[in-house]
Amino acid sequence: MNGQYAALLIALPLISAFFVPLLKGAGKNAIKYFLIAVTALQTGIAAWVFQWVYSTGQPIIVIAGGWRPPVGINLYFGHFAALFVLIVAAISFLMAVFSLRAIEVEPIDKYAMLFLLLMLGATGMIATGDIFNLFVFMEITAISAYALTAYNKTGEAAEASMKYIILGGIGSSFFLVGIALIYGSLGTLNMAQIAQLAATMDPTVAQVGLALIIFGLAVEAELFPLNAWAPDAYQAAPHPVTVMFSAFVVKAGLYAMARILYLMQDVGSWGSVLRLLVVLATLTVIVAELAALRQRNVKRMIAYSSIAQIGLIALALALGTQSGVDAGVFHMINHAIVKAMLFLAVGYVAMTLGGAEIENFRGLGRRMPLTAFAISVGAIATVGIPLFNIFWSKIRIILATLQVGYTWAAVLVLTASVVEAVYYFRLLHTIWFEGDGERIDENIVIGLMVLFLAALVVVIGIYPDYAWNLAQKAGNDIFNVAQYVKNVPLMGVGA
C-alpha cells in the first residue's frame, strides 16, 4: 500500500471541518453523526498505519510535494506516532459518540469544527518532522482548545479560557524564540537534520534554546509553573473535551518536548536541561497531588490527579535513559486509558445528577452501579494497586529514576502517591458507603464505553507484556535518534 495514504490523517479532519457548516441546515444531530463518521474513518486509517508500522518495523514517511527534506516538509509515522495517532483517533471517536448526549449548547457546528481541529492539531504535533510545523500544529491545537474551553458560555468557562489564552500565548512566545535560536544556529528546521548538526551548536545557545522550548511546551504539557490554566479548563470545558485534553492533547505536548530534547542530546549543555526538567516534573507531581487533596469538585480533583500523572511522565522522559523513556511512554498509554474512563464516567454523573460536586457521588454505587464501578476501577488503578495497568508503568518509572541516582525525586513521588491514595479512597468511601437513593437507568452506550476502557485497564494490569512491548518500540523511536536520522530521506543522504 502507498504510504502517502497516511497523509489522510492530516487531510481528513481538516477537510471535514470545512464541510461542517454545509450540514448546519440538516440539524444538530446530522452534525453529530457526521462527527462520529469522520472520527470512525480517522480511527480506521490510524489502525491501518499502526498495523503496517508495527508489523513491518518500518516507519511511514510522507514527503509533501515531492520535495525531500530538509527543503520539503515531511510527516514521520514511526512506532510512537503510529501508536499515539491511533490513541488520538480512538479517543476522539469515543468522545464524538459521547457528544450525542453531552453536547446540547449551540452552535453545534462550531463545536464539531473545533473538535476536528483539536484532533488534527494533536495528530500533526505527533507526526510532523519539522519544528516550525510543530509550532503551527501546536497553535491549531491551542486555539481550538481555547475556544472549546469557553464553549459552555458560562462565567467560569470564560475565565478558564482567558487563563489558558494568556498562559498559552506566553508559552507560544517562548517556544517560537527557542525555535529561532536553533534555526539561527543551525540553519534548518528539519528534525532529522537538527539531530545531525546538534553537536556543532554553541552550548550556551543550545541550553537557552532548549530551556525556552521546554517552558513553551510546558503549557500544553501541563508542567509547573505554567499549568495554572489546566484545572479550571478541565472543570469548565464540555465533558468530551475534558477527556480529549487529558487523554491526548497533553500527550502531544509531552511528545514534542521529548522529541526535541533527544534530537539535541549531542549538545554540550544537554545534561543541565534534563536536570531542569526533572525538577519541574517533580514539583508538578507534588503541587498537583496536594491541590487535589483539597478539592470538593470531583472533576477538578481528577484534573489535578491527571496533572500529577503528567509530571510523573515528564520525570521519566527527563531521565536521559532508554528505560526512563520506555517507562514514560508506557505510563502515557496507561494514563490515556484510565483518565479517559474517569473523566467520561464523572462527566456522565455530572450530566445526570446536575454537577460533579462530591455530594452528588454519595450512594452512587446504589444509584448508578455501572458508572460507579468504572470510577472505582479508575481510582484504584491511578493509585497504583497491583493487577491494574498503572501499577506496572509507575513502578518502572520509580526504578528508572533510582537507576540514575535521583533518589530524592523517587522518594518525593512515592510520598505524593500516598496523598493520591487518601483522596481517591475518600471518593470510593463516598460512592459505596455513604448516602442512599433510587436506581437510575444508565445510558447503555456510555456504559459500554466505560466498561470497554475498564476492561483495558484490568487486562493490561494482568497481562502487561503486549502493552509494554508497544511502549518499548515507541520509546525507542524517541530515544534512538541515530535510527530516526537514518530513516528520514534527507536530500543528498541515502536513497
Protein backbone atom coordinates (compact mmCIF):
# COMPACT_ATOMS: atom_id res chain seq x y z
CA MET A 1 0.00 0.00 0.00
CA ASN A 2 1.04 3.59 -0.66
CA GLY A 3 2.33 5.23 2.49
CA GLN A 4 1.01 8.57 1.22
CA TYR A 5 -2.42 7.43 2.41
CA ALA A 6 -1.16 8.19 5.92
CA ALA A 7 -1.39 11.88 4.95
CA LEU A 8 -5.18 11.44 5.18
CA LEU A 9 -4.72 11.53 8.96
CA ILE A 10 -3.99 15.25 8.49
CA ALA A 11 -6.19 15.93 5.47
CA LEU A 12 -9.38 14.18 6.62
CA PRO A 13 -10.09 16.21 9.79
CA LEU A 14 -9.03 19.45 8.08
CA ILE A 15 -11.29 18.97 5.04
CA SER A 16 -14.14 17.62 7.18
CA ALA A 17 -14.02 20.71 9.41
CA PHE A 18 -14.71 22.88 6.35
CA PHE A 19 -17.68 20.70 5.37
CA VAL A 20 -19.39 21.02 8.75
CA PRO A 21 -21.11 24.39 8.01
CA LEU A 22 -22.76 22.82 4.95
CA LEU A 23 -24.62 20.45 7.28
CA LYS A 24 -25.95 23.20 9.53
CA GLY A 25 -29.33 23.23 7.81
CA ALA A 26 -29.75 19.49 8.36
CA GLY A 27 -29.90 19.91 12.14
CA LYS A 28 -27.57 19.36 15.06
CA ASN A 29 -27.99 15.57 15.07
CA ALA A 30 -26.77 15.38 11.48
CA ILE A 31 -23.63 17.28 12.51
CA LYS A 32 -23.08 14.97 15.48
CA TYR A 33 -23.43 11.85 13.34
CA PHE A 34 -21.09 13.37 10.74
CA LEU A 35 -18.55 13.89 13.53
CA ILE A 36 -18.91 10.24 14.53
CA ALA A 37 -18.45 9.11 10.91
CA VAL A 38 -15.30 11.23 10.40
CA THR A 39 -13.68 10.09 13.64
CA ALA A 40 -14.57 6.45 12.85
CA LEU A 41 -12.87 6.78 9.45
CA GLN A 42 -9.88 8.50 11.09
CA THR A 43 -9.64 5.59 13.53
CA GLY A 44 -9.70 3.10 10.65
CA ILE A 45 -6.87 4.90 8.84
CA ALA A 46 -4.88 5.20 12.06
CA ALA A 47 -5.39 1.48 12.73
CA TRP A 48 -4.06 0.65 9.27
CA VAL A 49 -0.97 2.86 9.86
CA PHE A 50 -0.43 1.25 13.27
CA GLN A 51 -0.74 -2.28 11.87
CA TRP A 52 1.63 -1.55 8.96
CA VAL A 53 4.33 0.14 11.06
CA TYR A 54 4.30 -2.45 13.86
CA SER A 55 4.16 -5.45 11.51
CA THR A 56 6.93 -4.27 9.16
CA GLY A 57 9.03 -2.41 11.74
CA GLN A 58 9.48 0.42 9.22
CA PRO A 59 8.17 3.99 9.52
CA ILE A 60 5.81 5.58 7.03
CA ILE A 61 7.29 8.84 5.77
CA VAL A 62 5.10 11.27 3.84
CA ILE A 63 7.00 13.85 1.77
CA ALA A 64 4.91 16.91 0.89
CA GLY A 65 5.02 17.99 -2.76
CA GLY A 66 7.80 15.56 -3.66
CA TRP A 67 10.50 17.81 -2.17
CA ARG A 68 12.81 15.78 0.02
CA PRO A 69 13.65 17.20 3.45
CA PRO A 70 15.14 19.48 4.62
CA VAL A 71 13.95 21.51 1.64
CA GLY A 72 10.48 19.98 1.82
CA ILE A 73 8.25 19.11 4.75
CA ASN A 74 7.77 15.53 5.89
CA LEU A 75 5.49 13.60 8.20
CA TYR A 76 7.07 10.76 10.16
CA PHE A 77 4.88 7.87 11.35
CA GLY A 78 7.30 5.77 13.35
CA HIS A 79 6.37 3.45 16.21
CA PHE A 80 5.49 6.30 18.58
CA ALA A 81 3.41 8.28 16.10
CA ALA A 82 1.63 5.18 14.80
CA LEU A 83 0.61 4.19 18.32
CA PHE A 84 -0.43 7.59 19.62
CA VAL A 85 -2.18 8.77 16.46
CA LEU A 86 -4.34 5.65 16.89
CA ILE A 87 -5.00 6.63 20.53
CA VAL A 88 -5.91 10.20 19.43
CA ALA A 89 -8.32 8.89 16.79
CA ALA A 90 -9.90 6.21 19.00
CA ILE A 91 -10.48 8.58 21.93
CA SER A 92 -11.88 11.18 19.51
CA PHE A 93 -14.32 8.59 18.15
CA LEU A 94 -15.49 7.66 21.65
CA MET A 95 -15.92 11.33 22.53
CA ALA A 96 -17.84 12.00 19.30
CA VAL A 97 -20.27 9.27 20.42
CA PHE A 98 -20.38 10.77 23.94
CA SER A 99 -21.15 14.17 22.39
CA LEU A 100 -24.53 12.84 21.23
CA ARG A 101 -25.67 13.05 24.86
CA ALA A 102 -23.23 15.53 26.36
CA ILE A 103 -23.42 18.47 23.95
CA GLU A 104 -26.63 20.50 23.73
CA VAL A 105 -25.33 24.07 23.82
CA GLU A 106 -25.47 25.74 20.42
CA PRO A 107 -23.82 26.29 17.97
CA ILE A 108 -23.15 22.58 17.41
CA ASP A 109 -21.46 23.25 14.05
CA LYS A 110 -18.79 25.37 15.73
CA TYR A 111 -18.25 22.64 18.34
CA ALA A 112 -17.78 20.00 15.62
CA MET A 113 -15.32 22.16 13.69
CA LEU A 114 -13.25 22.88 16.78
CA PHE A 115 -13.42 19.22 17.83
CA LEU A 116 -11.97 18.14 14.46
CA LEU A 117 -9.29 20.82 14.56
CA LEU A 118 -8.27 19.74 18.06
CA MET A 119 -7.85 16.17 16.78
CA LEU A 120 -5.96 17.48 13.75
CA GLY A 121 -3.59 19.61 15.83
CA ALA A 122 -2.65 16.79 18.20
CA THR A 123 -2.16 14.39 15.29
CA GLY A 124 0.05 16.87 13.47
CA MET A 125 2.18 17.59 16.54
CA ILE A 126 2.88 13.88 16.90
CA ALA A 127 3.53 13.20 13.19
CA THR A 128 5.43 16.25 11.91
CA GLY A 129 9.13 16.07 11.10
CA ASP A 130 9.70 19.83 11.15
CA ILE A 131 9.91 22.01 14.27
CA PHE A 132 8.22 25.05 12.70
CA ASN A 133 5.29 22.92 11.59
CA LEU A 134 5.29 21.54 15.12
CA PHE A 135 4.68 25.13 16.23
CA VAL A 136 1.89 25.53 13.65
CA PHE A 137 0.13 22.36 14.77
CA MET A 138 0.61 23.38 18.40
CA GLU A 139 -1.15 26.67 17.66
CA ILE A 140 -4.02 24.87 15.91
CA THR A 141 -4.37 22.66 18.98
CA ALA A 142 -4.14 25.58 21.40
CA ILE A 143 -6.58 27.90 19.61
CA SER A 144 -9.13 25.08 19.29
CA ALA A 145 -8.65 24.29 22.97
CA TYR A 146 -9.14 27.94 23.99
CA ALA A 147 -12.46 28.12 22.15
CA LEU A 148 -13.67 24.73 23.37
CA THR A 149 -12.85 25.65 26.97
CA ALA A 150 -15.22 28.61 26.69
CA TYR A 151 -17.85 26.69 24.70
CA ASN A 152 -20.39 26.34 27.53
CA LYS A 153 -20.67 30.16 27.71
CA THR A 154 -20.57 30.41 31.49
CA GLY A 155 -18.57 32.91 33.50
CA GLU A 156 -16.33 30.12 34.79
CA ALA A 157 -15.71 28.88 31.24
CA ALA A 158 -14.81 32.36 30.01
CA GLU A 159 -12.41 32.88 32.92
CA ALA A 160 -10.79 29.48 32.38
CA SER A 161 -10.39 30.17 28.67
CA MET A 162 -8.81 33.56 29.35
CA LYS A 163 -6.27 31.99 31.73
CA TYR A 164 -5.48 29.40 29.07
CA ILE A 165 -5.09 32.08 26.37
CA ILE A 166 -2.71 34.18 28.49
CA LEU A 167 -0.50 31.28 29.54
CA GLY A 168 -0.72 29.73 26.08
CA GLY A 169 0.40 32.99 24.49
CA ILE A 170 3.39 33.15 26.83
CA GLY A 171 4.24 29.52 26.10
CA SER A 172 3.97 30.01 22.33
CA SER A 173 6.29 33.01 22.52
CA PHE A 174 8.89 31.05 24.47
CA PHE A 175 8.64 28.16 22.04
CA LEU A 176 8.97 30.36 18.97
CA VAL A 177 12.04 32.16 20.34
CA GLY A 178 13.59 28.76 21.15
CA ILE A 179 12.98 27.65 17.55
CA ALA A 180 14.51 30.89 16.27
CA LEU A 181 17.68 30.29 18.30
CA ILE A 182 18.02 26.76 16.91
CA TYR A 183 17.31 27.88 13.35
CA GLY A 184 19.70 30.81 13.66
CA SER A 185 22.45 28.49 14.89
CA LEU A 186 21.91 25.50 12.56
CA GLY A 187 20.08 26.94 9.55
CA THR A 188 17.50 24.17 9.41
CA LEU A 189 14.06 23.35 10.81
CA ASN A 190 14.01 19.67 9.90
CA MET A 191 14.20 17.47 12.99
CA ALA A 192 16.49 14.84 11.48
CA GLN A 193 18.98 17.45 10.25
CA ILE A 194 18.86 19.24 13.61
CA ALA A 195 19.94 15.95 15.20
CA GLN A 196 22.79 15.63 12.69
CA LEU A 197 24.09 19.14 13.36
CA ALA A 198 23.30 19.47 17.09
CA ALA A 199 26.89 18.80 18.19
CA THR A 200 28.03 21.93 16.30
CA MET A 201 25.80 24.28 18.33
CA ASP A 202 27.23 26.66 20.88
CA PRO A 203 26.42 25.05 24.28
CA THR A 204 25.03 28.29 25.75
CA VAL A 205 22.76 28.95 22.75
CA ALA A 206 21.57 25.33 22.84
CA GLN A 207 20.91 25.49 26.57
CA VAL A 208 18.88 28.70 26.31
CA GLY A 209 17.02 27.46 23.22
CA LEU A 210 16.10 24.13 24.83
CA ALA A 211 15.05 25.81 28.07
CA LEU A 212 12.76 28.17 26.16
CA ILE A 213 11.26 25.25 24.25
CA ILE A 214 10.64 23.34 27.48
CA PHE A 215 8.92 26.34 29.07
CA GLY A 216 6.95 26.91 25.87
CA LEU A 217 5.71 23.34 25.72
CA ALA A 218 5.13 23.26 29.49
CA VAL A 219 1.77 24.96 28.90
CA GLU A 220 0.42 22.17 26.67
CA ALA A 221 2.26 19.56 28.76
CA GLU A 222 0.71 20.97 31.97
CA LEU A 223 4.02 21.30 33.83
CA PHE A 224 4.51 23.55 36.86
CA PRO A 225 4.57 26.58 36.95
CA LEU A 226 2.75 27.07 33.60
CA ASN A 227 -0.18 24.74 34.30
CA ALA A 228 -2.45 27.08 36.27
CA TRP A 229 -4.93 27.07 33.38
CA ALA A 230 -5.47 23.31 33.42
CA PRO A 231 -7.74 22.66 36.46
CA ASP A 232 -10.11 25.50 35.51
CA ALA A 233 -10.19 24.43 31.86
CA TYR A 234 -10.80 20.78 32.74
CA GLN A 235 -13.67 21.76 35.02
CA ALA A 236 -15.30 24.29 32.69
CA ALA A 237 -14.89 22.59 29.31
CA PRO A 238 -17.59 20.29 27.89
CA HIS A 239 -17.14 16.78 29.27
CA PRO A 240 -15.96 15.17 25.98
CA VAL A 241 -13.38 17.95 25.54
CA THR A 242 -12.03 17.38 29.05
CA VAL A 243 -11.40 13.76 28.12
CA MET A 244 -9.54 14.84 24.99
CA PHE A 245 -7.40 17.32 26.94
CA SER A 246 -6.29 14.64 29.39
CA ALA A 247 -6.05 11.68 27.02
CA PHE A 248 -4.09 13.15 24.14
CA VAL A 249 -3.67 16.94 23.95
CA VAL A 250 -1.23 16.89 26.86
CA LYS A 251 0.48 13.78 25.41
CA ALA A 252 1.20 15.67 22.19
CA GLY A 253 2.95 18.38 24.21
CA LEU A 254 4.98 15.82 26.16
CA TYR A 255 5.99 14.03 22.98
CA ALA A 256 7.11 17.26 21.33
CA MET A 257 9.21 18.09 24.37
CA ALA A 258 10.81 14.64 24.46
CA ARG A 259 11.43 14.52 20.70
CA ILE A 260 13.25 17.86 20.62
CA LEU A 261 15.21 17.05 23.80
CA TYR A 262 16.58 13.80 22.45
CA LEU A 263 17.25 15.19 18.98
CA MET A 264 19.67 17.59 20.66
CA GLN A 265 21.32 15.14 23.04
CA ASP A 266 24.75 15.79 21.49
CA VAL A 267 24.91 19.42 22.61
CA GLY A 268 27.28 20.15 25.45
CA SER A 269 24.72 21.58 27.88
CA TRP A 270 22.14 18.79 27.44
CA GLY A 271 22.52 17.39 30.96
CA SER A 272 21.69 20.69 32.67
CA VAL A 273 18.46 21.00 30.65
CA LEU A 274 17.45 17.49 31.71
CA ARG A 275 18.06 18.37 35.36
CA LEU A 276 15.84 21.43 34.98
CA LEU A 277 13.06 19.24 33.59
CA VAL A 278 13.46 16.70 36.41
CA VAL A 279 12.93 19.48 38.96
CA LEU A 280 9.90 20.89 37.11
CA ALA A 281 8.37 17.42 36.74
CA THR A 282 8.82 16.54 40.42
CA LEU A 283 7.35 19.87 41.52
CA THR A 284 4.40 19.25 39.20
CA VAL A 285 3.66 15.92 40.91
CA ILE A 286 3.88 17.32 44.45
CA VAL A 287 1.93 20.54 43.89
CA ALA A 288 -0.84 18.79 41.93
CA GLU A 289 -1.34 15.99 44.47
CA LEU A 290 -1.54 18.45 47.38
CA ALA A 291 -4.01 20.59 45.43
CA ALA A 292 -6.17 17.55 44.57
CA LEU A 293 -6.46 16.69 48.25
CA ARG A 294 -8.36 19.95 48.91
CA GLN A 295 -10.94 19.65 46.12
CA ARG A 296 -14.68 19.14 46.63
CA ASN A 297 -15.47 19.02 42.92
CA VAL A 298 -14.62 15.53 41.66
CA LYS A 299 -13.93 16.60 38.09
CA ARG A 300 -11.47 19.22 39.33
CA MET A 301 -9.91 16.68 41.71
CA ILE A 302 -9.29 14.25 38.86
CA ALA A 303 -7.88 17.14 36.81
CA TYR A 304 -5.22 17.74 39.46
CA SER A 305 -4.61 14.00 39.64
CA SER A 306 -4.11 13.94 35.89
CA ILE A 307 -1.60 16.80 36.13
CA ALA A 308 0.34 14.84 38.75
CA GLN A 309 0.49 11.80 36.48
CA ILE A 310 1.72 14.01 33.65
CA GLY A 311 4.51 15.22 35.94
CA LEU A 312 5.45 11.59 36.52
CA ILE A 313 5.65 11.01 32.75
CA ALA A 314 7.79 14.13 32.29
CA LEU A 315 10.11 12.89 35.04
CA ALA A 316 10.58 9.59 33.21
CA LEU A 317 11.23 11.31 29.87
CA ALA A 318 13.80 13.62 31.50
CA LEU A 319 15.99 10.83 32.90
CA GLY A 320 18.02 10.58 29.70
CA THR A 321 17.90 6.77 29.61
CA GLN A 322 16.19 4.19 27.43
CA SER A 323 14.48 2.63 30.45
CA GLY A 324 13.15 6.02 31.53
CA VAL A 325 11.73 6.86 28.10
CA ASP A 326 10.15 3.40 27.74
CA ALA A 327 8.56 3.68 31.19
CA GLY A 328 7.30 7.19 30.40
CA VAL A 329 5.68 6.07 27.14
CA PHE A 330 4.12 3.08 28.94
CA HIS A 331 2.65 5.48 31.50
CA MET A 332 1.34 7.70 28.69
CA ILE A 333 -0.63 4.73 27.31
CA ASN A 334 -1.99 3.74 30.71
CA HIS A 335 -2.80 7.32 31.69
CA ALA A 336 -4.72 7.91 28.46
CA ILE A 337 -6.94 4.89 29.11
CA VAL A 338 -7.55 5.49 32.83
CA LYS A 339 -8.17 9.22 32.67
CA ALA A 340 -10.40 8.88 29.60
CA MET A 341 -12.53 6.43 31.59
CA LEU A 342 -12.56 8.58 34.73
CA PHE A 343 -13.46 11.84 33.00
CA LEU A 344 -16.07 10.07 30.86
CA ALA A 345 -17.72 8.48 33.91
CA VAL A 346 -17.53 11.61 36.09
CA GLY A 347 -18.83 13.74 33.22
CA TYR A 348 -21.78 11.37 32.83
CA VAL A 349 -22.52 11.65 36.56
CA ALA A 350 -22.36 15.45 36.33
CA MET A 351 -24.79 15.43 33.38
CA THR A 352 -27.20 13.07 35.13
CA LEU A 353 -27.12 14.48 38.67
CA GLY A 354 -26.55 18.15 37.96
CA GLY A 355 -22.89 18.61 38.82
CA ALA A 356 -19.62 16.98 39.84
CA GLU A 357 -19.60 18.12 43.47
CA ILE A 358 -18.66 15.29 45.80
CA GLU A 359 -22.12 15.43 47.43
CA ASN A 360 -23.59 14.09 44.19
CA PHE A 361 -21.43 10.98 44.49
CA ARG A 362 -22.93 9.86 47.81
CA GLY A 363 -24.60 6.50 47.27
CA LEU A 364 -23.58 6.43 43.60
CA GLY A 365 -22.85 2.70 43.91
CA ARG A 366 -26.56 2.10 44.51
CA ARG A 367 -27.91 4.70 42.09
CA MET A 368 -25.54 4.22 39.11
CA PRO A 369 -23.62 0.99 39.80
CA LEU A 370 -22.05 0.66 36.34
CA THR A 371 -20.68 4.18 36.34
CA ALA A 372 -19.60 3.81 39.98
CA PHE A 373 -17.75 0.61 39.07
CA ALA A 374 -15.83 2.39 36.28
CA ILE A 375 -14.86 5.26 38.61
CA SER A 376 -13.72 2.72 41.21
CA VAL A 377 -11.55 0.86 38.70
CA GLY A 378 -10.00 4.16 37.57
CA ALA A 379 -9.36 5.32 41.12
CA ILE A 380 -7.73 2.05 42.21
CA ALA A 381 -5.64 1.94 39.03
CA THR A 382 -4.42 5.53 39.42
CA VAL A 383 -3.26 4.90 42.97
CA GLY A 384 -1.02 2.13 41.58
CA ILE A 385 -2.59 -1.01 43.04
CA PRO A 386 -1.18 -4.27 41.56
CA LEU A 387 -3.19 -6.04 38.84
CA PHE A 388 -4.23 -2.67 37.39
CA ASN A 389 -2.34 -1.11 34.48
CA ILE A 390 -0.79 1.97 36.11
CA PHE A 391 0.98 -0.15 38.72
CA TRP A 392 3.37 -1.51 36.07
CA SER A 393 4.29 1.81 34.49
CA LYS A 394 4.56 3.64 37.82
CA ILE A 395 6.92 1.03 39.28
CA ARG A 396 9.06 1.13 36.13
CA ILE A 397 9.34 4.92 36.38
CA ILE A 398 10.41 4.69 40.04
CA LEU A 399 13.04 2.05 39.20
CA ALA A 400 14.35 4.07 36.24
CA THR A 401 14.58 7.15 38.48
CA LEU A 402 16.57 5.26 41.11
CA GLN A 403 18.91 3.85 38.43
CA VAL A 404 20.18 7.31 37.52
CA GLY A 405 20.59 8.41 41.12
CA TYR A 406 17.57 10.68 41.56
CA THR A 407 16.63 9.07 44.87
CA TRP A 408 15.16 12.33 46.17
CA ALA A 409 12.76 12.51 43.21
CA ALA A 410 11.67 8.88 43.68
CA VAL A 411 11.01 9.46 47.39
CA LEU A 412 9.00 12.63 46.74
CA VAL A 413 6.94 10.92 44.03
CA LEU A 414 6.18 7.96 46.30
CA THR A 415 5.19 10.32 49.11
CA ALA A 416 2.87 12.15 46.72
CA SER A 417 1.33 8.78 45.80
CA VAL A 418 0.28 8.36 49.43
CA VAL A 419 -1.56 11.70 49.21
CA GLU A 420 -3.18 10.46 46.00
CA ALA A 421 -4.39 7.31 47.75
CA VAL A 422 -6.01 9.42 50.50
CA TYR A 423 -8.30 11.44 48.23
CA TYR A 424 -9.16 8.57 45.88
CA PHE A 425 -10.13 6.24 48.74
CA ARG A 426 -12.11 9.09 50.27
CA LEU A 427 -14.03 9.26 46.98
CA LEU A 428 -14.58 5.48 46.96
CA HIS A 429 -15.90 5.63 50.53
CA THR A 430 -18.34 8.36 49.47
CA ILE A 431 -19.52 6.31 46.47
CA TRP A 432 -20.03 2.97 48.21
CA PHE A 433 -20.55 3.63 51.92
CA GLU A 434 -22.37 6.97 52.19
CA GLY A 435 -25.82 8.16 51.22
CA ASP A 436 -28.69 6.36 49.57
CA GLY A 437 -31.03 6.78 46.62
CA GLU A 438 -33.08 5.09 43.95
CA ARG A 439 -31.55 3.28 40.98
CA ILE A 440 -31.11 5.44 37.87
CA ASP A 441 -31.30 3.98 34.36
CA GLU A 442 -27.83 4.35 32.85
CA ASN A 443 -27.22 5.01 29.17
CA ILE A 444 -26.23 1.72 27.55
CA VAL A 445 -23.82 3.26 25.00
CA ILE A 446 -21.92 5.25 27.64
CA GLY A 447 -21.98 2.16 29.87
CA LEU A 448 -20.40 0.04 27.13
CA MET A 449 -17.68 2.66 26.57
CA VAL A 450 -16.68 2.83 30.23
CA LEU A 451 -16.78 -0.97 30.52
CA PHE A 452 -14.52 -1.27 27.46
CA LEU A 453 -12.00 1.14 28.98
CA ALA A 454 -12.24 -0.59 32.38
CA ALA A 455 -11.58 -3.93 30.68
CA LEU A 456 -8.42 -2.46 29.07
CA VAL A 457 -7.24 -1.25 32.49
CA VAL A 458 -7.64 -4.71 34.02
CA VAL A 459 -6.33 -6.69 31.02
CA ILE A 460 -3.15 -4.59 30.82
CA GLY A 461 -2.81 -4.91 34.59
CA ILE A 462 -2.96 -8.72 34.45
CA TYR A 463 -1.18 -9.18 31.10
CA PRO A 464 1.10 -6.15 30.70
CA ASP A 465 3.56 -7.68 28.23
CA TYR A 466 1.81 -6.67 24.99
CA ALA A 467 1.32 -3.03 26.02
CA TRP A 468 4.89 -2.95 27.40
CA ASN A 469 6.27 -4.22 24.09
CA LEU A 470 4.37 -1.48 22.25
CA ALA A 471 5.74 1.09 24.70
CA GLN A 472 9.31 -0.14 24.27
CA LYS A 473 9.14 0.18 20.48
CA ALA A 474 7.56 3.62 20.76
CA GLY A 475 10.12 4.68 23.38
CA ASN A 476 12.98 3.50 21.20
CA ASP A 477 11.57 5.63 18.39
CA ILE A 478 12.20 8.71 20.59
CA PHE A 479 15.44 7.62 22.25
CA ASN A 480 17.26 6.09 19.24
CA VAL A 481 17.95 9.31 17.39
CA ALA A 482 20.54 7.73 15.07
CA GLN A 483 17.89 5.39 13.67
CA TYR A 484 15.44 8.27 13.28
CA VAL A 485 18.00 10.24 11.25
CA LYS A 486 18.78 7.16 9.17
CA ASN A 487 15.09 6.64 8.37
CA VAL A 488 14.42 10.19 7.14
CA PRO A 489 15.48 10.57 3.46
CA LEU A 490 17.38 13.83 3.75
CA MET A 491 18.38 15.39 0.47
CA GLY A 492 21.78 14.07 -0.54
CA VAL A 493 21.74 11.39 2.16
CA GLY A 494 20.82 7.81 1.33
CA ALA A 495 18.45 6.63 -1.37
